[in-house]
C-alpha atoms as a PDB file:
ATOM      1  CA  MET A   1      44.708  85.215  39.736  1.00  0.00           C
ATOM      2  CA  GLU A   2      45.730  84.938  36.477  1.00  0.00           C
ATOM      3  CA  ILE A   3      45.655  80.780  36.447  1.00  0.00           C
ATOM      4  CA  GLU A   4      42.029  81.108  38.017  1.00  0.00           C
ATOM      5  CA  LYS A   5      41.017  83.302  35.513  1.00  0.00           C
ATOM      6  CA  ARG A   6      42.212  81.076  32.411  1.00  0.00           C
ATOM      7  CA  GLY A   7      40.817  78.084  34.277  1.00  0.00           C
ATOM      8  CA  ARG A   8      37.340  80.006  34.226  1.00  0.00           C
ATOM      9  CA  ARG A   9      37.375  80.713  30.781  1.00  0.00           C
ATOM     10  CA  ALA A  10      38.370  77.157  30.117  1.00  0.00           C
ATOM     11  CA  LYS A  11      35.385  75.903  32.087  1.00  0.00           C
ATOM     12  CA  LYS A  12      33.237  77.893  30.002  1.00  0.00           C
ATOM     13  CA  GLN A  13      34.517  77.256  26.476  1.00  0.00           C
ATOM     14  CA  ASN A  14      33.820  73.494  27.770  1.00  0.00           C
ATOM     15  CA  LEU A  15      30.355  73.874  28.493  1.00  0.00           C
ATOM     16  CA  ALA A  16      29.841  75.465  25.391  1.00  0.00           C
ATOM     17  CA  VAL A  17      31.107  72.505  23.750  1.00  0.00           C
ATOM     18  CA  ARG A  18      29.348  70.236  25.551  1.00  0.00           C
ATOM     19  CA  ASP A  19      26.279  72.116  24.978  1.00  0.00           C
ATOM     20  CA  ARG A  20      27.098  71.526  20.861  1.00  0.00           C
ATOM     21  CA  THR A  21      27.866  68.107  20.771  1.00  0.00           C
ATOM     22  CA  LEU A  22      24.826  67.360  23.208  1.00  0.00           C
ATOM     23  CA  GLN A  23      22.746  69.248  20.459  1.00  0.00           C
ATOM     24  CA  LYS A  24      24.518  66.933  17.773  1.00  0.00           C
ATOM     25  CA  TRP A  25      23.488  63.922  19.939  1.00  0.00           C
ATOM     26  CA  HIS A  26      20.322  64.596  20.542  1.00  0.00           C
ATOM     27  CA  SER A  27      19.635  65.308  16.766  1.00  0.00           C
ATOM     28  CA  LYS A  28      21.283  62.139  15.691  1.00  0.00           C
ATOM     29  CA  ALA A  29      19.028  60.452  18.888  1.00  0.00           C
ATOM     30  CA  ARG A  30      16.196  61.740  17.049  1.00  0.00           C
ATOM     31  CA  VAL A  31      17.057  60.413  13.558  1.00  0.00           C
ATOM     32  CA  THR A  32      17.660  57.241  14.762  1.00  0.00           C
ATOM     33  CA  GLU A  33      14.628  56.623  16.602  1.00  0.00           C
ATOM     34  CA  ASN A  34      12.538  57.916  13.626  1.00  0.00           C
ATOM     35  CA  SER A  35      14.246  55.615  11.512  1.00  0.00           C
ATOM     36  CA  ASP A  36      13.513  52.798  13.991  1.00  0.00           C
ATOM     37  CA  ARG A  37       9.982  53.676  13.912  1.00  0.00           C
ATOM     38  CA  LEU A  38      10.001  53.276  10.169  1.00  0.00           C
ATOM     39  CA  GLU A  39      11.631  50.347  10.052  1.00  0.00           C
ATOM     40  CA  GLU A  40       8.854  48.572  12.194  1.00  0.00           C
END
């Protein structure tokens, strides 16, 4: 039982971390896209 609870909590944390990294990655991608357009 305890292991299952821990696993669920870890999954939730992983999802939160993934969301954060995705948001960072998306904002970075947007910035690079804008700079690419400016360079053209």
